């Protein structure tokens, strides 16, 4: 049987989820997953910073951007 890493990760997550027996366990698991992805994002940002791809000006610019899709009230009205 040939299994890829994505499928293996899904199996590992299902195994972990089978051991969640309370709301506090679930919250702890969600915090753990959130922390994992936050660390990965921070590592990627640090690499971009070290490579000179982003700098303080870039981050300031990101803070001023409005990335939301404009809501068209008339179009979405019932």
Protein backbone atom coordinates (compact mmCIF):
# COMPACT_ATOMS: atom_id res chain seq x y z
CA UNK A 1 0.00 0.00 0.00
CA UNK A 2 1.41 3.35 -1.08
CA UNK A 3 0.41 6.25 1.19
CA UNK A 4 1.41 9.88 0.75
CA UNK A 5 2.28 12.35 3.52
CA UNK A 6 -1.08 14.10 3.32
CA UNK A 7 -2.92 10.82 3.89
CA UNK A 8 -0.53 9.88 6.67
CA UNK A 9 -1.12 13.26 8.35
CA UNK A 10 -4.89 12.72 8.13
CA UNK A 11 -4.56 9.33 9.80
CA UNK A 12 -2.41 10.81 12.56
CA UNK A 13 -4.97 13.58 13.15
CA UNK A 14 -7.83 11.09 13.27
CA UNK A 15 -5.88 9.05 15.80
CA UNK A 16 -5.30 12.15 17.93
CA UNK A 17 -8.96 13.17 17.66
CA UNK A 18 -10.04 9.76 18.92
CA UNK A 19 -8.35 10.58 22.23
CA UNK A 20 -10.27 13.83 22.80
CA UNK A 21 -12.84 13.15 25.50
CA UNK A 22 -13.79 16.57 26.82
CA UNK A 23 -14.22 20.19 25.86
CA UNK A 24 -10.98 21.07 27.63
CA UNK A 25 -9.14 18.39 25.61
CA UNK A 26 -10.62 19.83 22.42
CA UNK A 27 -9.61 23.38 23.35
CA UNK A 28 -6.10 22.22 24.21
CA UNK A 29 -5.86 20.41 20.85
CA UNK A 30 -7.09 23.48 18.95
CA UNK A 31 -4.56 25.67 20.77
CA UNK A 32 -1.79 23.20 19.94
CA UNK A 33 -2.67 23.20 16.23
CA UNK A 34 -2.99 27.00 16.17
CA UNK A 35 0.41 27.34 17.88
CA UNK A 36 1.99 24.96 15.36
CA UNK A 37 0.78 26.96 12.36
CA UNK A 38 1.65 30.29 14.02
CA UNK A 39 5.22 29.04 14.51
CA UNK A 40 5.42 27.98 10.85
CA UNK A 41 4.15 31.38 9.72
CA UNK A 42 6.63 33.17 11.99
CA UNK A 43 9.50 31.05 10.65
CA UNK A 44 8.52 31.92 7.06
CA UNK A 45 8.26 35.61 7.89
CA UNK A 46 11.67 35.52 9.60
CA UNK A 47 13.18 33.91 6.48
CA UNK A 48 11.67 36.60 4.24
CA UNK A 49 13.05 39.25 6.59
CA UNK A 50 16.52 37.69 6.66
CA UNK A 51 16.54 37.51 2.84
CA UNK A 52 15.60 41.19 2.61
CA UNK A 53 12.34 40.44 0.81
CA UNK A 54 10.31 42.20 3.49
CA UNK A 55 11.25 44.94 5.93
CA UNK A 56 9.60 47.31 8.38
CA UNK A 57 8.18 49.42 5.53
CA UNK A 58 6.58 46.32 3.98
CA UNK A 59 4.89 45.44 7.25
CA UNK A 60 3.67 49.03 7.71
CA UNK A 61 2.20 48.90 4.19
CA UNK A 62 0.43 45.62 4.93
CA UNK A 63 -1.15 47.24 7.97
CA UNK A 64 -2.72 49.91 5.77
CA UNK A 65 -4.09 47.56 3.10
CA UNK A 66 -7.78 46.77 2.86
CA UNK A 67 -7.97 43.25 1.46
CA UNK A 68 -11.70 42.67 1.94
CA UNK A 69 -13.97 42.15 -1.03
CA UNK A 70 -16.38 45.08 -1.23
CA UNK A 71 -19.91 44.16 -0.27
CA UNK A 72 -22.49 44.93 -2.94
CA UNK A 73 -25.63 45.60 -0.88
CA UNK A 74 -28.00 45.97 -3.84
CA UNK A 75 -26.79 42.75 -5.49
CA UNK A 76 -27.14 40.67 -2.31
CA UNK A 77 -30.50 42.04 -1.24
CA UNK A 78 -33.42 39.61 -1.13
